[in-house]
């Protein structure tokens, strides 16, 4: 395997790989999309919603807001010492309190952890007219893209031309929750762990 032409610009990483098969390339792409965990809001409590949008729509829009993720700090709920009951090791809390007239943006979500914030503060959630209010509490936790699209790390694709020695050109565009290089390295780590597990099972 040979990796070349590695280029990074903002949240986009591109690179070429030689010496692999289409099935291996697709496995790597799917691991980056569906197995690398990131934070996303999964539990929303709406105390007041005076906007024109139903509670379910507001909660859905909040859930899709990308959140900066430090995989050294947070654990998947089922792997946490609290067994998924909820603690600072596996979840972070957000609050949103706003009064109109205004547009409510993702940046209005305030985290109880200053290091764990939304990646983009300008994503519109809803609009409020005069005297309309929203008061919301939300909990973000780690999850995987195979469970829901809100936990997908970004947009990952590759292309290649058939031949005796095809070159696979990858493009990894992160949503900002993880650096694109981290997405690739975590996927490679997961691939190694799964391969080791398979090796133990067949013995």
N, C-alpha and C. Protein backbone atom coordinates (compact mmCIF):
# COMPACT_ATOMS: atom_id res chain seq x y z
N UNK A 1 0.85 -1.19 0.00
CA UNK A 1 0.00 0.00 0.00
C UNK A 1 0.89 1.25 0.00
N UNK A 2 0.55 2.20 -0.85
CA UNK A 2 1.30 3.45 -0.94
C UNK A 2 0.33 4.62 -0.90
N UNK A 3 0.59 5.57 0.00
CA UNK A 3 -0.25 6.76 0.14
C UNK A 3 0.53 7.98 -0.36
N UNK A 4 -0.10 8.78 -1.19
CA UNK A 4 0.58 9.94 -1.77
C UNK A 4 -0.40 11.09 -1.97
N UNK A 5 0.14 12.24 -2.39
CA UNK A 5 -0.65 13.44 -2.71
C UNK A 5 -1.60 13.84 -1.57
N UNK A 6 -1.08 13.81 -0.35
CA UNK A 6 -1.89 14.18 0.81
C UNK A 6 -2.00 15.71 0.88
N UNK A 7 -3.23 16.20 0.85
CA UNK A 7 -3.47 17.65 0.91
C UNK A 7 -4.61 17.94 1.89
N UNK A 8 -4.43 18.97 2.70
CA UNK A 8 -5.46 19.36 3.66
C UNK A 8 -5.75 20.84 3.52
N UNK A 9 -7.03 21.19 3.43
CA UNK A 9 -7.46 22.58 3.36
C UNK A 9 -8.73 22.73 4.18
N UNK A 10 -8.62 23.45 5.30
CA UNK A 10 -9.73 23.63 6.24
C UNK A 10 -10.22 22.25 6.71
N UNK A 11 -11.46 21.91 6.42
CA UNK A 11 -12.02 20.63 6.89
C UNK A 11 -12.01 19.55 5.82
N UNK A 12 -11.18 19.71 4.80
CA UNK A 12 -11.14 18.76 3.69
C UNK A 12 -9.74 18.15 3.58
N UNK A 13 -9.68 16.83 3.52
CA UNK A 13 -8.43 16.11 3.33
C UNK A 13 -8.56 15.24 2.09
N UNK A 14 -7.58 15.33 1.19
CA UNK A 14 -7.56 14.47 0.01
C UNK A 14 -6.25 13.70 -0.02
N UNK A 15 -6.29 12.48 -0.52
CA UNK A 15 -5.08 11.66 -0.64
C UNK A 15 -5.33 10.51 -1.62
N UNK A 16 -4.26 9.97 -2.13
CA UNK A 16 -4.33 8.84 -3.05
C UNK A 16 -3.76 7.59 -2.39
N UNK A 17 -4.33 6.44 -2.71
CA UNK A 17 -3.83 5.16 -2.21
C UNK A 17 -3.64 4.21 -3.38
N UNK A 18 -2.46 3.61 -3.45
CA UNK A 18 -2.18 2.57 -4.43
C UNK A 18 -2.00 1.24 -3.71
N UNK A 19 -2.25 0.15 -4.44
CA UNK A 19 -2.01 -1.18 -3.89
C UNK A 19 -3.14 -1.74 -3.06
N UNK A 20 -4.36 -1.23 -3.27
CA UNK A 20 -5.52 -1.78 -2.57
C UNK A 20 -6.59 -2.14 -3.60
N UNK A 21 -7.61 -2.86 -3.13
CA UNK A 21 -8.70 -3.27 -4.00
C UNK A 21 -9.92 -2.37 -3.78
N UNK A 22 -10.88 -2.39 -4.72
CA UNK A 22 -12.11 -1.60 -4.51
C UNK A 22 -12.85 -1.98 -3.23
N UNK A 23 -12.85 -3.26 -2.87
CA UNK A 23 -13.55 -3.68 -1.66
C UNK A 23 -12.88 -3.11 -0.41
N UNK A 24 -11.54 -3.04 -0.40
CA UNK A 24 -10.82 -2.46 0.74
C UNK A 24 -11.10 -0.95 0.82
N UNK A 25 -11.08 -0.28 -0.33
CA UNK A 25 -11.35 1.16 -0.36
C UNK A 25 -12.75 1.46 0.16
N UNK A 26 -13.72 0.64 -0.24
CA UNK A 26 -15.09 0.88 0.21
C UNK A 26 -15.25 0.56 1.70
N UNK A 27 -14.52 -0.44 2.18
CA UNK A 27 -14.54 -0.75 3.61
C UNK A 27 -14.02 0.43 4.42
N UNK A 28 -12.92 1.02 3.97
CA UNK A 28 -12.35 2.17 4.66
C UNK A 28 -13.33 3.35 4.65
N UNK A 29 -13.96 3.59 3.51
CA UNK A 29 -14.93 4.69 3.40
C UNK A 29 -16.11 4.47 4.33
N UNK A 30 -16.63 3.24 4.38
CA UNK A 30 -17.79 2.95 5.22
C UNK A 30 -17.45 3.05 6.70
N UNK A 31 -16.24 2.66 7.08
CA UNK A 31 -15.82 2.79 8.47
C UNK A 31 -15.75 4.26 8.89
N UNK A 32 -15.24 5.11 7.99
CA UNK A 32 -15.17 6.54 8.29
C UNK A 32 -16.56 7.14 8.48
N UNK A 33 -17.52 6.65 7.70
CA UNK A 33 -18.89 7.18 7.76
C UNK A 33 -19.70 6.61 8.91
N UNK A 34 -19.57 5.31 9.16
CA UNK A 34 -20.52 4.65 10.04
C UNK A 34 -19.97 4.15 11.37
N UNK A 35 -18.65 4.08 11.53
CA UNK A 35 -18.09 3.49 12.74
C UNK A 35 -17.31 4.48 13.63
N UNK A 36 -16.81 5.56 13.05
CA UNK A 36 -16.07 6.54 13.85
C UNK A 36 -17.07 7.37 14.65
N UNK A 37 -17.01 7.34 15.99
CA UNK A 37 -18.01 8.05 16.80
C UNK A 37 -17.76 9.55 16.90
N UNK A 38 -18.84 10.31 16.96
CA UNK A 38 -18.78 11.76 17.22
C UNK A 38 -19.95 12.13 18.12
N UNK A 39 -19.89 13.32 18.69
CA UNK A 39 -20.97 13.82 19.54
C UNK A 39 -22.13 14.37 18.70
N UNK A 40 -23.33 14.14 19.18
CA UNK A 40 -24.52 14.77 18.60
C UNK A 40 -25.59 14.83 19.68
N UNK A 41 -26.47 15.81 19.59
CA UNK A 41 -27.55 15.94 20.56
C UNK A 41 -28.59 14.85 20.31
N UNK A 42 -28.86 14.08 21.36
CA UNK A 42 -29.76 12.93 21.23
C UNK A 42 -30.98 13.03 22.12
N UNK A 43 -30.95 13.91 23.10
CA UNK A 43 -32.08 14.04 24.03
C UNK A 43 -32.41 15.53 24.18
N UNK A 44 -33.63 15.91 23.84
CA UNK A 44 -34.04 17.32 23.87
C UNK A 44 -35.28 17.47 24.75
N UNK A 45 -35.21 18.39 25.70
CA UNK A 45 -36.36 18.71 26.54
C UNK A 45 -36.79 20.14 26.24
N UNK A 46 -38.01 20.31 25.73
CA UNK A 46 -38.51 21.63 25.35
C UNK A 46 -39.49 22.11 26.41
N UNK A 47 -39.10 23.14 27.15
CA UNK A 47 -39.96 23.71 28.18
C UNK A 47 -40.91 24.75 27.60
N UNK A 48 -40.45 25.44 26.57
CA UNK A 48 -41.28 26.46 25.93
C UNK A 48 -40.87 26.59 24.47
N UNK A 49 -41.84 26.60 23.59
CA UNK A 49 -41.58 26.77 22.16
C UNK A 49 -42.70 27.59 21.55
N UNK A 50 -42.47 28.89 21.43
CA UNK A 50 -43.47 29.78 20.87
C UNK A 50 -43.32 29.98 19.38
N UNK A 51 -42.38 29.28 18.74
CA UNK A 51 -42.15 29.46 17.31
C UNK A 51 -43.23 28.76 16.50
N UNK A 52 -43.20 28.95 15.18
CA UNK A 52 -44.19 28.34 14.29
C UNK A 52 -43.89 26.86 14.03
N UNK A 53 -42.69 26.39 14.41
CA UNK A 53 -42.31 25.01 14.17
C UNK A 53 -42.75 24.10 15.32
N UNK A 54 -43.18 22.89 14.96
CA UNK A 54 -43.54 21.92 15.98
C UNK A 54 -42.30 21.54 16.81
N UNK A 55 -42.54 21.09 18.05
CA UNK A 55 -41.44 20.70 18.93
C UNK A 55 -40.54 19.66 18.26
N UNK A 56 -41.16 18.68 17.56
CA UNK A 56 -40.39 17.60 16.95
C UNK A 56 -39.44 18.12 15.88
N UNK A 57 -39.86 19.15 15.13
CA UNK A 57 -39.02 19.71 14.08
C UNK A 57 -37.85 20.48 14.69
N UNK A 58 -38.13 21.25 15.73
CA UNK A 58 -37.08 22.00 16.42
C UNK A 58 -36.05 21.03 17.00
N UNK A 59 -36.52 19.95 17.63
CA UNK A 59 -35.62 18.96 18.21
C UNK A 59 -34.78 18.29 17.13
N UNK A 60 -35.41 18.00 15.99
CA UNK A 60 -34.69 17.36 14.88
C UNK A 60 -33.59 18.27 14.34
N UNK A 61 -33.89 19.54 14.18
CA UNK A 61 -32.90 20.50 13.66
C UNK A 61 -31.73 20.66 14.64
N UNK A 62 -32.04 20.69 15.93
CA UNK A 62 -30.98 20.80 16.94
C UNK A 62 -30.09 19.56 16.90
N UNK A 63 -30.70 18.40 16.73
CA UNK A 63 -29.94 17.15 16.70
C UNK A 63 -28.96 17.05 15.56
N UNK A 64 -29.21 17.78 14.48
CA UNK A 64 -28.33 17.72 13.30
C UNK A 64 -27.19 18.74 13.35
N UNK A 65 -27.11 19.54 14.41
CA UNK A 65 -26.03 20.53 14.54
C UNK A 65 -24.73 19.81 14.92
N UNK A 66 -23.67 19.90 14.11
CA UNK A 66 -22.40 19.23 14.44
C UNK A 66 -21.76 19.83 15.70
N UNK A 67 -21.14 18.97 16.50
CA UNK A 67 -20.53 19.39 17.76
C UNK A 67 -19.07 18.94 17.79
N UNK A 68 -18.20 19.84 18.23
CA UNK A 68 -16.78 19.51 18.35
C UNK A 68 -16.61 18.33 19.30
N UNK A 69 -15.80 17.36 18.87
CA UNK A 69 -15.67 16.11 19.61
C UNK A 69 -14.22 15.82 19.96
N UNK A 70 -13.98 15.53 21.24
CA UNK A 70 -12.67 15.07 21.71
C UNK A 70 -12.83 13.62 22.15
N UNK A 71 -12.35 12.70 21.32
CA UNK A 71 -12.52 11.28 21.62
C UNK A 71 -11.68 10.82 22.80
N UNK A 72 -10.75 11.65 23.25
CA UNK A 72 -9.97 11.30 24.45
C UNK A 72 -10.77 11.61 25.72
N UNK A 73 -11.76 12.48 25.61
CA UNK A 73 -12.54 12.90 26.78
C UNK A 73 -13.80 12.08 26.95
N UNK A 74 -14.50 11.82 25.85
CA UNK A 74 -15.80 11.16 25.94
C UNK A 74 -15.76 9.71 25.51
N UNK A 75 -16.64 8.91 26.11
CA UNK A 75 -16.76 7.49 25.79
C UNK A 75 -18.17 7.21 25.29
N UNK A 76 -18.31 6.15 24.51
CA UNK A 76 -19.64 5.71 24.10
C UNK A 76 -20.42 5.31 25.35
N UNK A 77 -21.72 5.62 25.41
CA UNK A 77 -22.52 5.33 26.61
C UNK A 77 -22.39 3.90 27.10
N UNK A 78 -22.37 2.93 26.18
CA UNK A 78 -22.32 1.53 26.61
C UNK A 78 -20.92 1.10 27.07
N UNK A 79 -19.92 1.97 26.86
CA UNK A 79 -18.57 1.67 27.30
C UNK A 79 -18.13 2.55 28.47
N UNK A 80 -19.04 3.39 28.95
CA UNK A 80 -18.72 4.29 30.05
C UNK A 80 -18.90 3.58 31.39
N UNK A 81 -18.21 4.07 32.40
CA UNK A 81 -18.31 3.47 33.73
C UNK A 81 -19.70 3.63 34.33
N UNK A 82 -20.47 4.61 33.85
CA UNK A 82 -21.83 4.81 34.36
C UNK A 82 -22.84 3.89 33.68
N UNK A 83 -22.38 3.09 32.72
CA UNK A 83 -23.24 2.14 32.00
C UNK A 83 -24.37 2.84 31.23
N UNK A 84 -24.08 4.05 30.74
CA UNK A 84 -25.06 4.76 29.93
C UNK A 84 -26.09 5.55 30.70
N UNK A 85 -25.96 5.63 32.03
CA UNK A 85 -26.92 6.40 32.83
C UNK A 85 -26.74 7.90 32.64
N UNK A 86 -25.52 8.31 32.24
CA UNK A 86 -25.25 9.72 32.00
C UNK A 86 -24.31 10.31 33.02
N UNK A 87 -23.13 10.75 32.53
CA UNK A 87 -22.14 11.38 33.40
C UNK A 87 -21.24 12.25 32.52
N UNK A 88 -20.37 13.08 33.10
CA UNK A 88 -19.51 13.96 32.30
C UNK A 88 -18.56 13.22 31.36
N UNK A 89 -18.37 11.91 31.57
CA UNK A 89 -17.48 11.15 30.70
C UNK A 89 -18.14 10.71 29.41
N UNK A 90 -19.47 10.76 29.37
CA UNK A 90 -20.16 10.26 28.17
C UNK A 90 -21.20 11.24 27.61
N UNK A 91 -21.41 12.37 28.27
CA UNK A 91 -22.38 13.31 27.73
C UNK A 91 -22.07 14.74 28.15
N UNK A 92 -22.63 15.69 27.40
CA UNK A 92 -22.47 17.11 27.70
C UNK A 92 -23.83 17.79 27.53
N UNK A 93 -24.11 18.77 28.37
CA UNK A 93 -25.41 19.44 28.36
C UNK A 93 -25.36 20.77 27.61
N UNK A 94 -26.47 21.09 26.93
CA UNK A 94 -26.63 22.37 26.24
C UNK A 94 -27.94 23.02 26.69
N UNK A 95 -27.96 24.33 26.71
CA UNK A 95 -29.20 25.07 26.98
C UNK A 95 -29.41 26.09 25.87
N UNK A 96 -30.68 26.39 25.60
CA UNK A 96 -31.03 27.39 24.59
C UNK A 96 -32.21 28.20 25.13
N UNK A 97 -31.98 29.46 25.39
CA UNK A 97 -33.03 30.37 25.86
C UNK A 97 -32.99 31.62 24.98
N UNK A 98 -34.12 31.91 24.32
CA UNK A 98 -34.13 33.03 23.38
C UNK A 98 -35.54 33.63 23.33
N UNK A 99 -35.58 34.96 23.15
CA UNK A 99 -36.86 35.66 23.03
C UNK A 99 -36.86 36.51 21.76
N UNK A 100 -37.98 36.49 21.02
CA UNK A 100 -38.07 37.21 19.76
C UNK A 100 -38.36 38.69 19.94
N UNK A 101 -38.30 39.43 18.84
CA UNK A 101 -38.13 38.93 17.46
C UNK A 101 -36.66 38.64 17.12
N UNK A 102 -36.41 37.48 16.55
CA UNK A 102 -35.04 37.11 16.17
C UNK A 102 -35.06 35.79 15.42
N UNK A 103 -33.92 35.45 14.87
CA UNK A 103 -33.69 34.11 14.34
C UNK A 103 -32.84 33.36 15.35
N UNK A 104 -33.24 32.15 15.68
CA UNK A 104 -32.48 31.32 16.62
C UNK A 104 -31.45 30.53 15.82
N UNK A 105 -30.19 30.69 16.18
CA UNK A 105 -29.10 30.01 15.48
C UNK A 105 -28.45 28.94 16.36
N UNK A 106 -27.68 28.08 15.73
CA UNK A 106 -26.97 27.03 16.46
C UNK A 106 -26.05 27.62 17.53
N UNK A 107 -25.52 28.80 17.28
CA UNK A 107 -24.64 29.45 18.24
C UNK A 107 -25.34 29.83 19.53
N UNK A 108 -26.68 29.80 19.54
CA UNK A 108 -27.43 30.10 20.75
C UNK A 108 -27.48 28.90 21.70
N UNK A 109 -26.99 27.75 21.23
CA UNK A 109 -26.88 26.57 22.09
C UNK A 109 -25.65 26.74 22.97
N UNK A 110 -25.84 26.84 24.27
CA UNK A 110 -24.75 27.08 25.21
C UNK A 110 -24.37 25.79 25.92
N UNK A 111 -23.10 25.42 25.82
CA UNK A 111 -22.60 24.18 26.40
C UNK A 111 -22.12 24.38 27.83
N UNK A 112 -22.26 23.34 28.66
CA UNK A 112 -21.72 23.41 30.01
C UNK A 112 -20.23 23.05 30.03
N UNK A 113 -19.69 22.71 28.85
CA UNK A 113 -18.27 22.41 28.69
C UNK A 113 -17.71 23.37 27.64
N UNK A 114 -16.87 24.33 28.03
CA UNK A 114 -16.37 25.33 27.06
C UNK A 114 -15.57 24.75 25.91
N UNK A 115 -15.07 23.53 26.06
CA UNK A 115 -14.29 22.89 24.99
C UNK A 115 -15.19 22.14 24.01
N UNK A 116 -16.43 21.92 24.40
CA UNK A 116 -17.34 21.13 23.57
C UNK A 116 -18.47 22.03 23.11
N UNK A 117 -18.31 22.63 21.95
CA UNK A 117 -19.28 23.59 21.43
C UNK A 117 -19.71 23.19 20.02
N UNK A 118 -20.67 23.91 19.47
CA UNK A 118 -21.09 23.64 18.09
C UNK A 118 -19.98 24.06 17.13
N UNK A 119 -19.88 23.39 16.00
CA UNK A 119 -18.81 23.69 15.04
C UNK A 119 -19.13 24.91 14.18
N UNK A 120 -20.42 25.20 14.02
CA UNK A 120 -20.87 26.32 13.19
C UNK A 120 -21.95 27.07 13.94
N UNK A 121 -21.73 28.34 14.22
CA UNK A 121 -22.68 29.12 15.02
C UNK A 121 -23.79 29.74 14.18
N UNK A 122 -23.75 29.57 12.87
CA UNK A 122 -24.70 30.27 11.99
C UNK A 122 -25.73 29.37 11.33
N UNK A 123 -25.99 28.21 11.90
CA UNK A 123 -27.02 27.32 11.37
C UNK A 123 -28.38 27.74 11.94
N UNK A 124 -29.33 28.17 11.08
CA UNK A 124 -30.64 28.60 11.61
C UNK A 124 -31.47 27.43 12.12
N UNK A 125 -32.10 27.62 13.26
CA UNK A 125 -32.94 26.58 13.86
C UNK A 125 -34.42 26.93 13.71
N UNK A 126 -34.79 28.15 14.07
CA UNK A 126 -36.18 28.61 13.92
C UNK A 126 -36.21 30.13 14.01
N UNK A 127 -37.38 30.71 13.75
CA UNK A 127 -37.57 32.16 13.88
C UNK A 127 -38.59 32.44 14.97
N UNK A 128 -38.37 33.54 15.67
CA UNK A 128 -39.29 33.97 16.72
C UNK A 128 -39.82 35.36 16.41
N UNK A 129 -41.12 35.53 16.56
CA UNK A 129 -41.75 36.83 16.39
C UNK A 129 -41.78 37.55 17.74
N UNK A 130 -42.34 38.74 17.76
CA UNK A 130 -42.43 39.54 18.98
C UNK A 130 -43.05 38.74 20.12
N UNK A 131 -42.35 38.70 21.26
CA UNK A 131 -42.79 38.04 22.49
C UNK A 131 -42.80 36.51 22.42
N UNK A 132 -42.40 35.94 21.31
CA UNK A 132 -42.28 34.48 21.24
C UNK A 132 -40.97 34.05 21.91
N UNK A 133 -40.97 32.90 22.57
CA UNK A 133 -39.80 32.43 23.30
C UNK A 133 -39.53 30.95 23.03
N UNK A 134 -38.28 30.57 23.23
CA UNK A 134 -37.91 29.15 23.29
C UNK A 134 -37.04 28.94 24.52
N UNK A 135 -37.29 27.85 25.20
CA UNK A 135 -36.47 27.45 26.35
C UNK A 135 -36.26 25.95 26.26
N UNK A 136 -34.99 25.57 26.03
CA UNK A 136 -34.69 24.17 25.71
C UNK A 136 -33.45 23.70 26.47
N UNK A 137 -33.48 22.46 26.89
CA UNK A 137 -32.29 21.77 27.41
C UNK A 137 -32.03 20.56 26.53
N UNK A 138 -30.75 20.27 26.29
CA UNK A 138 -30.40 19.16 25.40
C UNK A 138 -29.16 18.44 25.91
N UNK A 139 -29.09 17.15 25.60
CA UNK A 139 -27.96 16.33 26.00
C UNK A 139 -27.31 15.75 24.75
N UNK A 140 -25.99 15.94 24.62
CA UNK A 140 -25.23 15.36 23.50
C UNK A 140 -24.43 14.18 24.00
N UNK A 141 -24.33 13.15 23.18
CA UNK A 141 -23.54 11.97 23.54
C UNK A 141 -22.92 11.38 22.28
N UNK A 142 -21.93 10.53 22.48
CA UNK A 142 -21.28 9.88 21.35
C UNK A 142 -22.20 8.87 20.70
N UNK A 143 -22.08 8.76 19.40
CA UNK A 143 -22.82 7.76 18.65
C UNK A 143 -22.12 7.51 17.33
N UNK A 144 -22.64 6.56 16.56
CA UNK A 144 -22.03 6.19 15.28
C UNK A 144 -23.01 6.43 14.14
N UNK A 145 -22.45 6.73 12.98
CA UNK A 145 -23.25 7.03 11.81
C UNK A 145 -24.18 5.91 11.39
N UNK A 146 -23.83 4.66 11.73
CA UNK A 146 -24.70 3.54 11.37
C UNK A 146 -26.00 3.56 12.17
N UNK A 147 -26.02 4.32 13.28
CA UNK A 147 -27.22 4.44 14.10
C UNK A 147 -28.13 5.57 13.61
N UNK A 148 -27.51 6.69 13.20
CA UNK A 148 -28.29 7.85 12.71
C UNK A 148 -27.35 8.78 11.96
N UNK A 149 -27.88 9.46 10.96
CA UNK A 149 -27.07 10.36 10.12
C UNK A 149 -26.45 11.50 10.91
N UNK A 150 -27.06 11.89 12.06
CA UNK A 150 -26.51 13.00 12.84
C UNK A 150 -25.16 12.66 13.44
N UNK A 151 -24.83 11.36 13.49
CA UNK A 151 -23.53 10.93 14.01
C UNK A 151 -22.52 10.63 12.90
N UNK A 152 -22.85 10.97 11.67
CA UNK A 152 -21.88 10.79 10.58
C UNK A 152 -20.80 11.86 10.68
N UNK A 153 -19.57 11.48 10.42
CA UNK A 153 -18.43 12.38 10.59
C UNK A 153 -18.33 13.43 9.50
N UNK A 154 -18.88 13.15 8.32
CA UNK A 154 -18.76 14.10 7.22
C UNK A 154 -19.21 13.48 5.91
N UNK A 155 -18.62 13.96 4.83
CA UNK A 155 -18.91 13.45 3.49
C UNK A 155 -17.63 12.81 2.98
N UNK A 156 -17.64 11.51 2.80
CA UNK A 156 -16.43 10.78 2.38
C UNK A 156 -16.69 10.08 1.06
N UNK A 157 -15.79 10.26 0.13
CA UNK A 157 -15.94 9.64 -1.19
C UNK A 157 -14.58 9.26 -1.75
N UNK A 158 -14.59 8.43 -2.78
CA UNK A 158 -13.35 8.11 -3.50
C UNK A 158 -13.69 7.78 -4.94
N UNK A 159 -12.70 7.89 -5.79
CA UNK A 159 -12.85 7.52 -7.19
C UNK A 159 -11.60 6.84 -7.68
N UNK A 160 -11.72 6.06 -8.74
CA UNK A 160 -10.54 5.39 -9.31
C UNK A 160 -10.83 4.97 -10.74
N UNK A 161 -9.77 4.70 -11.45
CA UNK A 161 -9.88 4.19 -12.82
C UNK A 161 -9.33 2.77 -12.85
N UNK A 162 -10.06 1.86 -13.48
CA UNK A 162 -9.63 0.47 -13.55
C UNK A 162 -8.32 0.35 -14.34
N UNK A 163 -7.50 -0.58 -13.90
CA UNK A 163 -6.22 -0.80 -14.56
C UNK A 163 -5.41 -1.83 -13.80
N UNK A 164 -4.19 -2.05 -14.23
CA UNK A 164 -3.34 -3.04 -13.56
C UNK A 164 -2.94 -2.57 -12.16
N UNK A 165 -2.81 -1.26 -11.97
CA UNK A 165 -2.45 -0.73 -10.66
C UNK A 165 -3.27 0.53 -10.39
N UNK A 166 -4.55 0.36 -10.06
CA UNK A 166 -5.43 1.52 -9.89
C UNK A 166 -5.03 2.39 -8.70
N UNK A 167 -5.25 3.69 -8.84
CA UNK A 167 -5.01 4.65 -7.77
C UNK A 167 -6.37 5.14 -7.26
N UNK A 168 -6.59 5.00 -5.97
CA UNK A 168 -7.85 5.42 -5.37
C UNK A 168 -7.68 6.81 -4.76
N UNK A 169 -8.47 7.75 -5.24
CA UNK A 169 -8.38 9.14 -4.78
C UNK A 169 -9.51 9.41 -3.78
N UNK A 170 -9.13 9.60 -2.51
CA UNK A 170 -10.09 9.83 -1.45
C UNK A 170 -10.29 11.31 -1.18
N UNK A 171 -11.52 11.67 -0.80
CA UNK A 171 -11.83 13.02 -0.34
C UNK A 171 -12.63 12.91 0.95
N UNK A 172 -12.07 13.43 2.03
CA UNK A 172 -12.72 13.38 3.34
C UNK A 172 -13.07 14.81 3.76
N UNK A 173 -14.36 15.12 3.76
CA UNK A 173 -14.82 16.45 4.16
C UNK A 173 -15.53 16.34 5.50
N UNK A 174 -14.90 16.84 6.55
CA UNK A 174 -15.44 16.74 7.90
C UNK A 174 -16.54 17.78 8.13
N UNK A 175 -17.51 17.44 8.99
CA UNK A 175 -18.52 18.42 9.42
C UNK A 175 -17.94 19.38 10.45
N UNK A 176 -16.71 19.14 10.86
CA UNK A 176 -16.05 20.00 11.83
C UNK A 176 -15.98 19.41 13.22
N UNK A 177 -16.70 18.31 13.45
CA UNK A 177 -16.66 17.69 14.77
C UNK A 177 -15.33 17.00 15.04
N UNK A 178 -14.71 16.46 14.00
CA UNK A 178 -13.38 15.86 14.07
C UNK A 178 -12.54 16.39 12.91
N UNK A 179 -11.22 16.49 13.15
CA UNK A 179 -10.33 16.82 12.05
C UNK A 179 -10.38 15.69 11.02
N UNK A 180 -10.33 15.99 9.72
CA UNK A 180 -10.42 14.92 8.72
C UNK A 180 -9.34 13.86 8.86
N UNK A 181 -8.13 14.28 9.27
CA UNK A 181 -7.06 13.31 9.50
C UNK A 181 -7.39 12.36 10.63
N UNK A 182 -8.08 12.89 11.66
CA UNK A 182 -8.50 12.06 12.80
C UNK A 182 -9.54 11.04 12.36
N UNK A 183 -10.41 11.44 11.45
CA UNK A 183 -11.43 10.51 10.93
C UNK A 183 -10.75 9.32 10.27
N UNK A 184 -9.74 9.60 9.45
CA UNK A 184 -9.02 8.54 8.74
C UNK A 184 -8.28 7.64 9.72
N UNK A 185 -7.56 8.24 10.66
CA UNK A 185 -6.77 7.44 11.60
C UNK A 185 -7.66 6.59 12.51
N UNK A 186 -8.81 7.13 12.92
CA UNK A 186 -9.73 6.36 13.75
C UNK A 186 -10.32 5.19 12.96
N UNK A 187 -10.63 5.43 11.69
CA UNK A 187 -11.17 4.35 10.85
C UNK A 187 -10.13 3.25 10.67
N UNK A 188 -8.88 3.63 10.47
CA UNK A 188 -7.81 2.65 10.33
C UNK A 188 -7.65 1.84 11.62
N UNK A 189 -7.76 2.53 12.76
CA UNK A 189 -7.67 1.86 14.06
C UNK A 189 -8.81 0.85 14.24
N UNK A 190 -10.01 1.25 13.88
CA UNK A 190 -11.17 0.37 13.99
C UNK A 190 -11.02 -0.84 13.07
N UNK A 191 -10.49 -0.60 11.86
CA UNK A 191 -10.26 -1.69 10.92
C UNK A 191 -9.30 -2.72 11.51
N UNK A 192 -8.23 -2.22 12.16
CA UNK A 192 -7.27 -3.11 12.78
C UNK A 192 -7.89 -3.92 13.91
N UNK A 193 -8.73 -3.27 14.71
CA UNK A 193 -9.39 -3.95 15.83
C UNK A 193 -10.34 -5.02 15.34
N UNK A 194 -11.09 -4.71 14.29
CA UNK A 194 -12.02 -5.69 13.74
C UNK A 194 -11.29 -6.87 13.11
N UNK A 195 -10.16 -6.59 12.46
CA UNK A 195 -9.37 -7.66 11.86
C UNK A 195 -8.80 -8.58 12.94
N UNK A 196 -8.32 -7.98 14.03
CA UNK A 196 -7.78 -8.77 15.14
C UNK A 196 -8.87 -9.64 15.78
N UNK A 197 -10.06 -9.06 15.92
CA UNK A 197 -11.18 -9.80 16.50
C UNK A 197 -11.57 -10.98 15.62
N UNK A 198 -11.58 -10.75 14.31
CA UNK A 198 -11.90 -11.83 13.37
C UNK A 198 -10.85 -12.93 13.45
N UNK A 199 -9.58 -12.52 13.58
CA UNK A 199 -8.50 -13.51 13.69
C UNK A 199 -8.67 -14.39 14.90
N UNK A 200 -9.10 -13.82 16.02
CA UNK A 200 -9.33 -14.61 17.24
C UNK A 200 -10.48 -15.57 17.07
N UNK A 201 -11.54 -15.11 16.38
CA UNK A 201 -12.73 -15.94 16.21
C UNK A 201 -12.47 -17.17 15.34
N UNK A 202 -11.67 -17.01 14.29
CA UNK A 202 -11.44 -18.13 13.37
C UNK A 202 -10.44 -19.14 13.94
N UNK A 203 -9.68 -18.72 14.99
CA UNK A 203 -8.76 -19.67 15.64
C UNK A 203 -9.54 -20.61 16.52
